[in-house]
C-alpha atoms as a PDB file:
ATOM      1  CA  MET A   1     -43.739  24.545 -32.281  1.00  0.00           C
ATOM      2  CA  ASN A   2     -44.966  22.529 -28.750  1.00  0.00           C
ATOM      3  CA  ARG A   3     -48.686  22.702 -28.708  1.00  0.00           C
ATOM      4  CA  SER A   4     -49.692  19.996 -26.078  1.00  0.00           C
ATOM      5  CA  ILE A   5     -53.052  20.414 -25.000  1.00  0.00           C
ATOM      6  CA  SER A   6     -52.537  19.714 -20.845  1.00  0.00           C
ATOM      7  CA  VAL A   7     -55.663  18.904 -18.478  1.00  0.00           C
ATOM      8  CA  LYS A   8     -55.805  21.823 -16.859  1.00  0.00           C
ATOM      9  CA  LEU A   9     -56.267  24.153 -20.170  1.00  0.00           C
ATOM     10  CA  ILE A  10     -59.310  21.494 -20.905  1.00  0.00           C
ATOM     11  CA  VAL A  11     -60.599  22.056 -17.211  1.00  0.00           C
ATOM     12  CA  VAL A  12     -60.631  25.675 -17.675  1.00  0.00           C
ATOM     13  CA  ASN A  13     -61.874  25.626 -20.791  1.00  0.00           C
ATOM     14  CA  ALA A  14     -64.849  23.461 -19.332  1.00  0.00           C
ATOM     15  CA  MET A  15     -65.545  25.154 -16.588  1.00  0.00           C
ATOM     16  CA  ILE A  16     -65.695  28.372 -18.832  1.00  0.00           C
ATOM     17  CA  ALA A  17     -68.253  26.332 -21.392  1.00  0.00           C
ATOM     18  CA  SER A  18     -70.103  25.529 -18.280  1.00  0.00           C
ATOM     19  CA  VAL A  19     -70.603  28.787 -16.956  1.00  0.00           C
ATOM     20  CA  TYR A  20     -71.667  30.237 -20.606  1.00  0.00           C
ATOM     21  CA  ALA A  21     -74.052  28.275 -20.360  1.00  0.00           C
ATOM     22  CA  ALA A  22     -75.092  28.473 -17.176  1.00  0.00           C
ATOM     23  CA  LEU A  23     -75.649  32.187 -16.760  1.00  0.00           C
ATOM     24  CA  THR A  24     -77.839  31.770 -20.263  1.00  0.00           C
ATOM     25  CA  LEU A  25     -79.940  29.249 -18.739  1.00  0.00           C
ATOM     26  CA  ALA A  26     -80.404  31.210 -15.868  1.00  0.00           C
ATOM     27  CA  ILE A  27     -81.935  34.430 -17.348  1.00  0.00           C
ATOM     28  CA  SER A  28     -83.134  32.199 -20.109  1.00  0.00           C
ATOM     29  CA  PRO A  29     -86.574  33.829 -20.970  1.00  0.00           C
ATOM     30  CA  ILE A  30     -84.812  37.306 -21.988  1.00  0.00           C
ATOM     31  CA  ALA A  31     -81.931  35.306 -23.539  1.00  0.00           C
ATOM     32  CA  TYR A  32     -84.096  33.586 -25.762  1.00  0.00           C
ATOM     33  CA  SER A  33     -86.593  36.315 -26.842  1.00  0.00           C
ATOM     34  CA  GLU A  34     -86.989  38.420 -29.797  1.00  0.00           C
ATOM     35  CA  ILE A  35     -84.488  41.064 -27.820  1.00  0.00           C
ATOM     36  CA  GLN A  36     -81.874  39.034 -26.482  1.00  0.00           C
ATOM     37  CA  PHE A  37     -79.861  40.059 -23.745  1.00  0.00           C
ATOM     38  CA  ARG A  38     -77.086  37.471 -22.702  1.00  0.00           C
ATOM     39  CA  LEU A  39     -75.241  38.325 -19.710  1.00  0.00           C
ATOM     40  CA  SER A  40     -72.640  35.442 -20.093  1.00  0.00           C
ATOM     41  CA  GLU A  41     -71.683  37.549 -23.453  1.00  0.00           C
ATOM     42  CA  ILE A  42     -69.236  39.382 -20.938  1.00  0.00           C
ATOM     43  CA  MET A  43     -67.510  36.106 -21.464  1.00  0.00           C
ATOM     44  CA  VAL A  44     -66.587  36.899 -24.390  1.00  0.00           C
ATOM     45  CA  PHE A  45     -63.334  39.378 -23.412  1.00  0.00           C
ATOM     46  CA  LEU A  46     -61.825  36.214 -21.864  1.00  0.00           C
ATOM     47  CA  ALA A  47     -60.511  35.432 -25.968  1.00  0.00           C
ATOM     48  CA  PHE A  48     -59.102  38.416 -25.697  1.00  0.00           C
ATOM     49  CA  TYR A  49     -57.509  37.947 -22.742  1.00  0.00           C
ATOM     50  CA  ASN A  50     -56.123  34.846 -23.802  1.00  0.00           C
ATOM     51  CA  LYS A  51     -56.822  32.661 -27.120  1.00  0.00           C
ATOM     52  CA  LYS A  52     -57.086  29.724 -25.488  1.00  0.00           C
ATOM     53  CA  TYR A  53     -59.969  30.108 -23.695  1.00  0.00           C
ATOM     54  CA  ILE A  54     -61.898  30.615 -27.300  1.00  0.00           C
ATOM     55  CA  PRO A  55     -62.550  26.395 -27.439  1.00  0.00           C
ATOM     56  CA  GLY A  56     -64.328  27.114 -24.126  1.00  0.00           C
ATOM     57  CA  LEU A  57     -66.707  29.779 -25.102  1.00  0.00           C
ATOM     58  CA  ILE A  58     -67.873  28.289 -28.240  1.00  0.00           C
ATOM     59  CA  ILE A  59     -68.622  24.857 -26.489  1.00  0.00           C
ATOM     60  CA  GLY A  60     -70.739  27.325 -23.723  1.00  0.00           C
ATOM     61  CA  CYS A  61     -72.370  28.583 -26.540  1.00  0.00           C
ATOM     62  CA  ILE A  62     -73.508  25.846 -28.373  1.00  0.00           C
ATOM     63  CA  ILE A  63     -74.300  24.588 -25.098  1.00  0.00           C
ATOM     64  CA  ALA A  64     -76.455  26.912 -24.545  1.00  0.00           C
ATOM     65  CA  ASN A  65     -78.294  27.467 -27.732  1.00  0.00           C
ATOM     66  CA  LEU A  66     -79.470  23.685 -27.369  1.00  0.00           C
ATOM     67  CA  PHE A  67     -81.652  24.823 -25.115  1.00  0.00           C
ATOM     68  CA  SER A  68     -83.258  28.036 -27.629  1.00  0.00           C
ATOM     69  CA  PRO A  69     -86.714  27.765 -28.532  1.00  0.00           C
ATOM     70  CA  MET A  70     -85.273  27.840 -32.208  1.00  0.00           C
ATOM     71  CA  GLY A  71     -83.221  24.876 -31.345  1.00  0.00           C
ATOM     72  CA  THR A  72     -80.252  23.735 -33.987  1.00  0.00           C
ATOM     73  CA  THR A  73     -80.820  27.070 -35.736  1.00  0.00           C
ATOM     74  CA  ARG A  74     -79.358  29.284 -33.740  1.00  0.00           C
ATOM     75  CA  CYS A  75     -75.883  26.775 -33.146  1.00  0.00           C
ATOM     76  CA  ASN A  76     -75.170  26.899 -37.190  1.00  0.00           C
ATOM     77  CA  PHE A  77     -75.582  30.953 -36.641  1.00  0.00           C
ATOM     78  CA  TRP A  78     -73.561  31.362 -33.842  1.00  0.00           C
ATOM     79  CA  ASN A  79     -70.592  28.733 -35.271  1.00  0.00           C
ATOM     80  CA  ASP A  80     -70.214  30.819 -38.221  1.00  0.00           C
ATOM     81  CA  GLN A  81     -69.624  33.515 -35.991  1.00  0.00           C
ATOM     82  CA  TYR A  82     -67.103  31.945 -33.596  1.00  0.00           C
ATOM     83  CA  ASN A  83     -65.478  29.984 -37.032  1.00  0.00           C
ATOM     84  CA  TYR A  84     -63.251  33.019 -37.487  1.00  0.00           C
ATOM     85  CA  CYS A  85     -62.161  32.988 -33.785  1.00  0.00           C
ATOM     86  CA  LEU A  86     -61.179  29.266 -34.142  1.00  0.00           C
ATOM     87  CA  HIS A  87     -59.588  29.866 -37.373  1.00  0.00           C
ATOM     88  CA  TYR A  88     -57.338  32.030 -35.598  1.00  0.00           C
ATOM     89  CA  TYR A  89     -56.764  29.977 -32.670  1.00  0.00           C
ATOM     90  CA  VAL A  90     -55.585  26.934 -34.761  1.00  0.00           C
ATOM     91  CA  CYS A  91     -53.525  28.747 -37.266  1.00  0.00           C
ATOM     92  CA  ASN A  92     -51.627  31.009 -35.010  1.00  0.00           C
END
């Protein structure tokens, strides 16, 4: 089984992470309120398109949640949600 990680894949995941974080921070007044509206959650469908994009989505979510008023508390919550996807990505 060939599991090489190319530079192109790393760059694409970095771009996905940065766009996810930028979209969340652009609408931060409603992205971090009691009822969250995150335009960047539309990008989660990229994981269905290609499972190689999952790390970029996870990193983007972590970066966006670092700017949350709740701090790293949300990072732990969202990481639990994405752990299943990451486990599926690594094991398959």
